[in-house]
């Protein structure tokens, strides 16, 4: 079986439901993965928007134990998760999930990427999405990806986000 990641919230390549965006409740979709290498020690997850200016991270979690194969919706934003995983800051500067929030009229693609790693990362070794890729680059056994799309169809009143991505 190939390493894969999925969610019951939306089909791969389909529109991400409003509940999982800044226009809704901004809750993380439930994620499940399976089929990793038998040598996997830990998992690392990143959710990124690949925009013309580069990438923008919406969620970064690392050191998820190898016996954990899911993250339920509304994952607590605390730095250390109950399952042993560690949140790093997203590009909004916060710990935890921050859903899609592109500028009005633009459709962005959001990639949910899970990595099976051969070694646990030292705590504090990943501070954000930019350091994530550097920290895991020599440790990746397997990678799985799931993509969702989102375009804002209405303007937010009193938007909390000065930088919408």
N, C-alpha and C. Protein backbone atom coordinates (compact mmCIF):
# COMPACT_ATOMS: atom_id res chain seq x y z
N UNK A 1 0.84 -1.18 0.00
CA UNK A 1 0.00 0.00 0.00
C UNK A 1 0.89 1.24 0.00
N UNK A 2 0.56 2.21 -0.83
CA UNK A 2 1.31 3.46 -0.90
C UNK A 2 0.91 4.38 0.25
N UNK A 3 1.85 5.18 0.70
CA UNK A 3 1.60 6.16 1.75
C UNK A 3 0.60 7.18 1.23
N UNK A 4 -0.46 7.44 2.01
CA UNK A 4 -1.46 8.41 1.56
C UNK A 4 -2.06 9.15 2.73
N UNK A 5 -2.64 10.30 2.44
CA UNK A 5 -3.33 11.13 3.42
C UNK A 5 -4.70 11.46 2.84
N UNK A 6 -5.70 11.57 3.71
CA UNK A 6 -7.05 11.88 3.24
C UNK A 6 -7.82 12.63 4.32
N UNK A 7 -8.96 13.13 3.91
CA UNK A 7 -9.89 13.77 4.83
C UNK A 7 -11.31 13.44 4.38
N UNK A 8 -12.22 13.42 5.33
CA UNK A 8 -13.63 13.22 5.00
C UNK A 8 -14.31 14.57 4.73
N UNK A 9 -13.58 15.66 4.91
CA UNK A 9 -14.16 17.00 4.77
C UNK A 9 -14.36 17.41 3.31
N UNK A 10 -13.50 16.94 2.41
CA UNK A 10 -13.61 17.29 1.00
C UNK A 10 -12.79 16.30 0.17
N UNK A 11 -13.13 16.18 -1.10
CA UNK A 11 -12.41 15.30 -2.03
C UNK A 11 -11.07 15.91 -2.41
N UNK A 12 -10.11 15.07 -2.73
CA UNK A 12 -8.81 15.56 -3.18
C UNK A 12 -9.01 16.42 -4.43
N UNK A 13 -8.49 17.64 -4.41
CA UNK A 13 -8.61 18.56 -5.53
C UNK A 13 -9.87 19.40 -5.54
N UNK A 14 -10.77 19.15 -4.59
CA UNK A 14 -12.05 19.86 -4.55
C UNK A 14 -11.97 21.12 -3.66
N UNK A 15 -13.08 21.84 -3.63
CA UNK A 15 -13.18 23.05 -2.83
C UNK A 15 -13.20 22.70 -1.34
N UNK A 16 -12.42 23.44 -0.57
CA UNK A 16 -12.39 23.26 0.89
C UNK A 16 -13.64 23.90 1.46
N UNK A 17 -14.39 23.20 2.30
CA UNK A 17 -15.61 23.77 2.88
C UNK A 17 -15.30 25.01 3.72
N UNK A 18 -16.23 25.95 3.71
CA UNK A 18 -16.07 27.23 4.41
C UNK A 18 -15.73 27.04 5.88
N UNK A 19 -16.24 26.01 6.52
CA UNK A 19 -15.96 25.78 7.96
C UNK A 19 -14.46 25.68 8.25
N UNK A 20 -13.68 25.28 7.26
CA UNK A 20 -12.24 25.08 7.44
C UNK A 20 -11.42 26.28 6.95
N UNK A 21 -12.09 27.44 6.79
CA UNK A 21 -11.44 28.64 6.27
C UNK A 21 -11.67 29.83 7.21
N UNK A 22 -11.02 30.95 6.88
CA UNK A 22 -11.21 32.17 7.68
C UNK A 22 -12.60 32.75 7.52
N UNK A 23 -13.33 32.34 6.51
CA UNK A 23 -14.70 32.81 6.31
C UNK A 23 -15.70 32.03 7.15
N UNK A 24 -15.25 30.94 7.74
CA UNK A 24 -16.13 30.10 8.57
C UNK A 24 -15.57 29.99 9.97
N UNK A 25 -15.57 28.77 10.49
CA UNK A 25 -15.11 28.52 11.86
C UNK A 25 -13.60 28.39 11.98
N UNK A 26 -12.90 28.30 10.84
CA UNK A 26 -11.44 28.20 10.81
C UNK A 26 -10.94 27.00 11.61
N UNK A 27 -11.65 25.86 11.45
CA UNK A 27 -11.26 24.63 12.15
C UNK A 27 -10.52 23.71 11.17
N UNK A 28 -9.57 22.99 11.69
CA UNK A 28 -8.81 22.08 10.85
C UNK A 28 -9.68 20.92 10.39
N UNK A 29 -9.51 20.48 9.14
CA UNK A 29 -10.26 19.29 8.71
C UNK A 29 -9.66 18.05 9.36
N UNK A 30 -10.49 17.03 9.59
CA UNK A 30 -9.94 15.78 10.14
C UNK A 30 -9.05 15.11 9.09
N UNK A 31 -7.88 14.69 9.49
CA UNK A 31 -6.94 14.06 8.57
C UNK A 31 -6.61 12.65 9.02
N UNK A 32 -6.41 11.76 8.05
CA UNK A 32 -5.99 10.38 8.32
C UNK A 32 -4.91 10.02 7.31
N UNK A 33 -3.95 9.19 7.75
CA UNK A 33 -2.91 8.72 6.85
C UNK A 33 -2.58 7.28 7.15
N UNK A 34 -2.02 6.59 6.15
CA UNK A 34 -1.67 5.18 6.29
C UNK A 34 -0.69 4.79 5.19
N UNK A 35 -0.10 3.63 5.34
CA UNK A 35 0.78 3.08 4.32
C UNK A 35 2.22 3.56 4.39
N UNK A 36 2.63 4.09 5.53
CA UNK A 36 3.99 4.59 5.68
C UNK A 36 5.01 3.45 5.75
N UNK A 37 6.26 3.77 5.57
CA UNK A 37 7.35 2.81 5.68
C UNK A 37 7.38 2.21 7.09
N UNK A 38 7.77 0.95 7.19
CA UNK A 38 7.86 0.29 8.50
C UNK A 38 8.96 0.92 9.36
N UNK A 39 9.87 1.65 8.76
CA UNK A 39 10.96 2.29 9.50
C UNK A 39 10.59 3.68 10.05
N UNK A 40 9.34 4.08 9.87
CA UNK A 40 8.90 5.40 10.33
C UNK A 40 8.99 5.51 11.84
N UNK A 41 9.60 6.59 12.31
CA UNK A 41 9.71 6.89 13.74
C UNK A 41 8.71 7.98 14.13
N UNK A 42 8.48 8.92 13.22
CA UNK A 42 7.60 10.05 13.52
C UNK A 42 7.04 10.63 12.23
N UNK A 43 5.98 11.42 12.36
CA UNK A 43 5.37 12.10 11.21
C UNK A 43 5.51 13.60 11.40
N UNK A 44 5.52 14.31 10.27
CA UNK A 44 5.53 15.77 10.26
C UNK A 44 4.51 16.22 9.22
N UNK A 45 3.73 17.23 9.56
CA UNK A 45 2.66 17.71 8.69
C UNK A 45 2.83 19.19 8.43
N UNK A 46 2.60 19.59 7.19
CA UNK A 46 2.56 21.02 6.86
C UNK A 46 1.43 21.24 5.87
N UNK A 47 0.72 22.35 6.04
CA UNK A 47 -0.31 22.77 5.09
C UNK A 47 0.19 24.08 4.50
N UNK A 48 0.33 24.06 3.16
CA UNK A 48 0.91 25.22 2.49
C UNK A 48 0.05 25.66 1.31
N UNK A 49 0.07 26.96 1.11
CA UNK A 49 -0.51 27.60 -0.05
C UNK A 49 0.67 28.00 -0.93
N UNK A 50 0.73 27.45 -2.13
CA UNK A 50 1.82 27.83 -3.03
C UNK A 50 1.33 28.98 -3.89
N UNK A 51 1.76 30.15 -3.54
CA UNK A 51 1.34 31.38 -4.22
C UNK A 51 2.47 31.87 -5.12
N UNK A 52 2.17 32.82 -5.96
CA UNK A 52 3.17 33.30 -6.91
C UNK A 52 4.43 33.83 -6.21
N UNK A 53 4.31 34.33 -5.01
CA UNK A 53 5.47 34.88 -4.29
C UNK A 53 6.23 33.81 -3.51
N UNK A 54 5.81 32.55 -3.60
CA UNK A 54 6.47 31.47 -2.84
C UNK A 54 5.45 30.60 -2.16
N UNK A 55 5.72 30.22 -0.92
CA UNK A 55 4.76 29.41 -0.17
C UNK A 55 4.38 30.14 1.12
N UNK A 56 3.21 29.81 1.60
CA UNK A 56 2.69 30.39 2.84
C UNK A 56 2.17 29.23 3.66
N UNK A 57 2.72 29.04 4.86
CA UNK A 57 2.30 27.89 5.69
C UNK A 57 1.10 28.25 6.56
N UNK A 58 0.15 27.32 6.59
CA UNK A 58 -1.08 27.50 7.37
C UNK A 58 -1.13 26.59 8.60
N UNK A 59 -0.26 25.57 8.63
CA UNK A 59 -0.27 24.64 9.76
C UNK A 59 1.03 23.86 9.71
N UNK A 60 1.71 23.76 10.84
CA UNK A 60 2.96 23.00 10.93
C UNK A 60 2.94 22.19 12.22
N UNK A 61 3.03 20.86 12.10
CA UNK A 61 3.07 19.97 13.25
C UNK A 61 4.17 18.94 13.00
N UNK A 62 5.02 18.72 13.99
CA UNK A 62 6.08 17.72 13.83
C UNK A 62 6.17 16.85 15.08
N UNK A 63 6.94 15.77 14.97
CA UNK A 63 7.09 14.76 16.03
C UNK A 63 5.78 14.09 16.42
N UNK A 64 4.92 13.89 15.44
CA UNK A 64 3.70 13.11 15.67
C UNK A 64 4.16 11.65 15.77
N UNK A 65 3.86 10.96 16.87
CA UNK A 65 4.34 9.58 17.04
C UNK A 65 3.90 8.66 15.90
N UNK A 66 4.71 7.66 15.62
CA UNK A 66 4.44 6.75 14.49
C UNK A 66 3.19 5.91 14.67
N UNK A 67 2.67 5.81 15.90
CA UNK A 67 1.44 5.04 16.10
C UNK A 67 0.18 5.92 15.98
N UNK A 68 0.36 7.20 15.72
CA UNK A 68 -0.76 8.12 15.52
C UNK A 68 -0.97 8.25 14.01
N UNK A 69 -2.20 8.00 13.56
CA UNK A 69 -2.50 8.04 12.13
C UNK A 69 -3.66 8.97 11.80
N UNK A 70 -3.91 9.93 12.67
CA UNK A 70 -4.98 10.88 12.40
C UNK A 70 -4.83 12.14 13.25
N UNK A 71 -5.40 13.20 12.77
CA UNK A 71 -5.59 14.44 13.54
C UNK A 71 -7.05 14.80 13.33
N UNK A 72 -7.76 14.93 14.41
CA UNK A 72 -9.18 15.27 14.29
C UNK A 72 -9.34 16.77 14.08
N UNK A 73 -10.54 17.18 13.63
CA UNK A 73 -10.76 18.61 13.44
C UNK A 73 -10.67 19.33 14.78
N UNK A 74 -10.43 20.60 14.71
CA UNK A 74 -10.27 21.47 15.87
C UNK A 74 -9.11 20.99 16.74
N UNK A 75 -7.98 20.76 16.13
CA UNK A 75 -6.79 20.41 16.90
C UNK A 75 -6.42 21.61 17.75
N UNK A 76 -6.21 21.36 19.03
CA UNK A 76 -5.88 22.43 19.96
C UNK A 76 -4.65 23.19 19.48
N UNK A 77 -4.65 24.49 19.64
CA UNK A 77 -3.54 25.32 19.17
C UNK A 77 -2.37 25.39 20.15
N UNK A 78 -2.43 24.63 21.22
CA UNK A 78 -1.31 24.64 22.17
C UNK A 78 -0.06 24.12 21.49
N UNK A 79 1.11 24.55 21.97
CA UNK A 79 2.38 24.15 21.34
C UNK A 79 2.58 22.64 21.37
N UNK A 80 2.39 22.00 22.51
CA UNK A 80 2.57 20.56 22.65
C UNK A 80 1.21 19.87 22.64
N UNK A 81 0.99 19.03 21.66
CA UNK A 81 -0.29 18.33 21.54
C UNK A 81 -0.34 17.12 22.47
N UNK A 82 -1.54 16.72 22.82
CA UNK A 82 -1.73 15.57 23.70
C UNK A 82 -1.15 14.28 23.10
N UNK A 83 -1.11 14.19 21.77
CA UNK A 83 -0.59 12.97 21.13
C UNK A 83 0.93 12.95 21.02
N UNK A 84 1.61 14.01 21.51
CA UNK A 84 3.07 14.07 21.45
C UNK A 84 3.61 14.96 20.36
N UNK A 85 2.77 15.36 19.43
CA UNK A 85 3.20 16.26 18.35
C UNK A 85 3.49 17.65 18.89
N UNK A 86 4.22 18.40 18.10
CA UNK A 86 4.59 19.77 18.47
C UNK A 86 4.18 20.72 17.35
N UNK A 87 3.47 21.78 17.71
CA UNK A 87 3.12 22.81 16.74
C UNK A 87 4.28 23.78 16.57
N UNK A 88 4.54 24.17 15.35
CA UNK A 88 5.42 25.31 15.07
C UNK A 88 4.50 26.45 14.61
N UNK A 89 5.03 27.63 14.49
CA UNK A 89 4.23 28.78 14.05
C UNK A 89 3.91 28.66 12.56
N UNK A 90 2.70 29.06 12.21
CA UNK A 90 2.34 29.18 10.80
C UNK A 90 2.78 30.58 10.34
N UNK A 91 2.55 30.90 9.08
CA UNK A 91 2.99 32.20 8.58
C UNK A 91 2.09 33.36 9.00
N UNK A 92 1.07 33.07 9.77
CA UNK A 92 0.30 34.12 10.43
C UNK A 92 0.96 34.48 11.76
N UNK A 93 2.03 33.71 12.11
CA UNK A 93 2.75 33.96 13.35
C UNK A 93 2.14 33.29 14.56
N UNK A 94 1.23 32.35 14.35
CA UNK A 94 0.53 31.68 15.45
C UNK A 94 0.75 30.18 15.40
N UNK A 95 0.56 29.55 16.54
CA UNK A 95 0.64 28.10 16.64
C UNK A 95 -0.73 27.54 16.29
N UNK A 96 -0.74 26.43 15.55
CA UNK A 96 -2.00 25.79 15.23
C UNK A 96 -2.45 26.04 13.79
N UNK A 97 -3.63 25.57 13.50
CA UNK A 97 -4.20 25.65 12.16
C UNK A 97 -4.75 27.04 11.89
N UNK A 98 -4.48 27.54 10.71
CA UNK A 98 -5.09 28.78 10.20
C UNK A 98 -5.55 28.47 8.78
N UNK A 99 -6.83 28.45 8.58
CA UNK A 99 -7.38 28.02 7.31
C UNK A 99 -7.16 28.98 6.16
N UNK A 100 -7.53 28.52 4.96
CA UNK A 100 -7.40 29.34 3.77
C UNK A 100 -8.09 30.70 3.93
N UNK A 101 -7.44 31.73 3.38
CA UNK A 101 -7.96 33.08 3.48
C UNK A 101 -7.38 33.93 2.34
N UNK A 102 -7.58 33.49 1.09
CA UNK A 102 -6.97 34.22 -0.02
C UNK A 102 -7.66 35.57 -0.26
N UNK A 103 -6.99 36.45 -0.98
CA UNK A 103 -7.64 37.71 -1.35
C UNK A 103 -8.91 37.42 -2.14
N UNK A 104 -9.91 38.26 -1.97
CA UNK A 104 -11.19 38.08 -2.66
C UNK A 104 -10.96 37.98 -4.17
N UNK A 105 -11.60 36.99 -4.77
CA UNK A 105 -11.53 36.81 -6.21
C UNK A 105 -10.41 35.91 -6.69
N UNK A 106 -9.51 35.51 -5.81
CA UNK A 106 -8.40 34.62 -6.20
C UNK A 106 -8.63 33.22 -5.65
N UNK A 107 -8.46 32.21 -6.50
CA UNK A 107 -8.50 30.84 -6.02
C UNK A 107 -7.07 30.40 -5.72
N UNK A 108 -6.87 29.87 -4.53
CA UNK A 108 -5.56 29.35 -4.15
C UNK A 108 -5.65 27.85 -3.94
N UNK A 109 -4.51 27.18 -4.09
CA UNK A 109 -4.42 25.74 -3.87
C UNK A 109 -3.72 25.51 -2.54
N UNK A 110 -4.27 24.61 -1.73
CA UNK A 110 -3.74 24.33 -0.39
C UNK A 110 -3.33 22.87 -0.33
N UNK A 111 -2.05 22.64 -0.02
CA UNK A 111 -1.49 21.29 0.00
C UNK A 111 -1.30 20.82 1.44
N UNK A 112 -1.93 19.71 1.76
CA UNK A 112 -1.79 19.06 3.07
C UNK A 112 -0.74 17.97 2.85
N UNK A 113 0.45 18.16 3.39
CA UNK A 113 1.56 17.22 3.16
C UNK A 113 1.99 16.58 4.47
N UNK A 114 2.02 15.26 4.45
CA UNK A 114 2.48 14.49 5.61
C UNK A 114 3.76 13.77 5.21
N UNK A 115 4.73 13.81 6.10
CA UNK A 115 6.02 13.16 5.86
C UNK A 115 6.25 12.10 6.92
N UNK A 116 6.69 10.93 6.50
CA UNK A 116 7.13 9.87 7.42
C UNK A 116 8.64 10.07 7.57
N UNK A 117 9.09 10.21 8.81
CA UNK A 117 10.51 10.50 9.06
C UNK A 117 11.20 9.36 9.78
N UNK A 118 12.46 9.20 9.53
CA UNK A 118 13.28 8.14 10.12
C UNK A 118 13.75 8.47 11.53
N UNK A 119 13.59 9.73 11.95
CA UNK A 119 14.10 10.17 13.24
C UNK A 119 13.24 11.30 13.78
N UNK A 120 13.11 11.34 15.09
CA UNK A 120 12.40 12.42 15.76
C UNK A 120 13.24 13.68 15.71
N UNK A 121 12.60 14.82 15.55
CA UNK A 121 13.31 16.09 15.52
C UNK A 121 13.50 16.63 16.94
N UNK A 122 14.62 17.29 17.20
CA UNK A 122 14.80 17.89 18.52
C UNK A 122 13.72 18.94 18.77
N UNK A 123 13.17 19.01 19.98
CA UNK A 123 12.19 20.06 20.28
C UNK A 123 12.80 21.42 19.94
N UNK A 124 11.99 22.31 19.48
CA UNK A 124 12.40 23.67 19.11
C UNK A 124 13.24 23.71 17.83
N UNK A 125 13.40 22.59 17.13
CA UNK A 125 14.19 22.61 15.90
C UNK A 125 13.40 23.17 14.71
N UNK A 126 12.09 23.21 14.84
CA UNK A 126 11.24 23.77 13.80
C UNK A 126 10.48 24.94 14.41
N UNK A 127 10.77 26.13 13.93
CA UNK A 127 10.07 27.29 14.47
C UNK A 127 8.90 27.71 13.60
N UNK A 128 8.98 27.41 12.30
CA UNK A 128 7.93 27.83 11.37
C UNK A 128 8.02 27.01 10.08
N UNK A 129 7.20 27.37 9.11
CA UNK A 129 7.18 26.64 7.85
C UNK A 129 8.50 26.69 7.09
N UNK A 130 9.21 27.79 7.22
CA UNK A 130 10.49 27.91 6.49
C UNK A 130 11.55 26.98 7.06
N UNK A 131 11.60 26.82 8.37
CA UNK A 131 12.59 25.93 8.97
C UNK A 131 12.15 24.47 8.91
N UNK A 132 10.87 24.23 8.70
CA UNK A 132 10.32 22.88 8.61
C UNK A 132 11.04 22.06 7.54
N UNK A 133 11.07 22.59 6.33
CA UNK A 133 11.65 21.83 5.21
C UNK A 133 13.14 21.57 5.42
N UNK A 134 13.84 22.52 5.96
CA UNK A 134 15.28 22.33 6.23
C UNK A 134 15.48 21.25 7.28
N UNK A 135 14.66 21.26 8.32
CA UNK A 135 14.81 20.30 9.43
C UNK A 135 14.54 18.86 9.00
N UNK A 136 13.62 18.65 8.07
CA UNK A 136 13.25 17.28 7.70
C UNK A 136 13.97 16.75 6.46
N UNK A 137 14.67 17.59 5.73
CA UNK A 137 15.14 17.22 4.38
C UNK A 137 15.93 15.92 4.31
N UNK A 138 16.73 15.58 5.30
CA UNK A 138 17.52 14.34 5.24
C UNK A 138 16.86 13.17 5.99
N UNK A 139 15.63 13.37 6.46
CA UNK A 139 14.97 12.37 7.29
C UNK A 139 13.74 11.73 6.64
N UNK A 140 13.37 12.17 5.46
CA UNK A 140 12.11 11.75 4.84
C UNK A 140 12.20 10.34 4.26
N UNK A 141 11.30 9.47 4.73
CA UNK A 141 11.15 8.12 4.19
C UNK A 141 10.05 8.09 3.14
N UNK A 142 8.94 8.76 3.43
CA UNK A 142 7.76 8.79 2.57
C UNK A 142 7.10 10.15 2.68
N UNK A 143 6.37 10.52 1.62
CA UNK A 143 5.61 11.77 1.61
C UNK A 143 4.26 11.48 0.96
N UNK A 144 3.20 12.05 1.52
CA UNK A 144 1.87 11.95 0.93
C UNK A 144 1.27 13.34 0.89
N UNK A 145 0.39 13.56 -0.08
CA UNK A 145 -0.14 14.91 -0.30
C UNK A 145 -1.61 14.85 -0.66
N UNK A 146 -2.34 15.85 -0.21
CA UNK A 146 -3.76 16.00 -0.50
C UNK A 146 -3.98 17.48 -0.78
N UNK A 147 -4.75 17.82 -1.78
CA UNK A 147 -4.90 19.22 -2.16
C UNK A 147 -6.35 19.65 -2.14
N UNK A 148 -6.56 20.86 -1.67
CA UNK A 148 -7.87 21.48 -1.71
C UNK A 148 -7.76 22.88 -2.31
N UNK A 149 -8.88 23.37 -2.81
CA UNK A 149 -8.93 24.71 -3.43
C UNK A 149 -9.85 25.60 -2.62
N UNK A 150 -9.55 26.90 -2.66
CA UNK A 150 -10.48 27.82 -2.01
C UNK A 150 -10.37 29.20 -2.64
N UNK A 151 -11.53 29.78 -2.91
CA UNK A 151 -11.65 31.17 -3.37
C UNK A 151 -12.74 31.80 -2.52
N UNK A 152 -12.47 32.98 -2.07
CA UNK A 152 -13.45 33.70 -1.24
C UNK A 152 -14.49 34.32 -2.15
N UNK A 153 -15.75 34.09 -1.80
CA UNK A 153 -16.84 34.59 -2.63
C UNK A 153 -17.52 35.81 -2.02
N UNK A 154 -17.14 36.15 -0.82
CA UNK A 154 -17.72 37.33 -0.19
C UNK A 154 -16.64 38.06 0.59
N UNK A 155 -16.83 39.32 0.79
CA UNK A 155 -15.87 40.12 1.54
C UNK A 155 -16.21 39.98 3.03
N UNK A 156 -15.18 39.78 3.83
CA UNK A 156 -15.37 39.67 5.28
C UNK A 156 -15.63 41.03 5.87
N UNK A 157 -16.57 41.10 6.78
CA UNK A 157 -16.79 42.33 7.53
C UNK A 157 -15.88 42.30 8.73
N UNK A 158 -15.11 43.35 8.93
CA UNK A 158 -14.23 43.43 10.10
C UNK A 158 -13.23 42.30 10.11
N UNK A 159 -12.64 41.99 8.97
CA UNK A 159 -11.68 40.88 8.87
C UNK A 159 -10.57 41.01 9.89
N UNK A 160 -10.26 39.91 10.55
CA UNK A 160 -9.20 39.86 11.56
C UNK A 160 -7.84 39.78 10.91
N UNK A 161 -7.81 39.38 9.66
CA UNK A 161 -6.55 39.13 8.98
C UNK A 161 -6.17 40.29 8.07
N UNK A 162 -5.06 40.95 8.39
CA UNK A 162 -4.58 42.03 7.56
C UNK A 162 -3.93 41.46 6.31
N UNK A 163 -3.40 40.27 6.43
CA UNK A 163 -2.71 39.61 5.31
C UNK A 163 -3.49 38.35 4.97
N UNK A 164 -4.28 38.42 3.94
CA UNK A 164 -5.12 37.28 3.57
C UNK A 164 -4.38 36.41 2.57
N UNK A 165 -4.26 35.13 2.90
CA UNK A 165 -3.60 34.16 2.02
C UNK A 165 -4.36 32.85 2.06
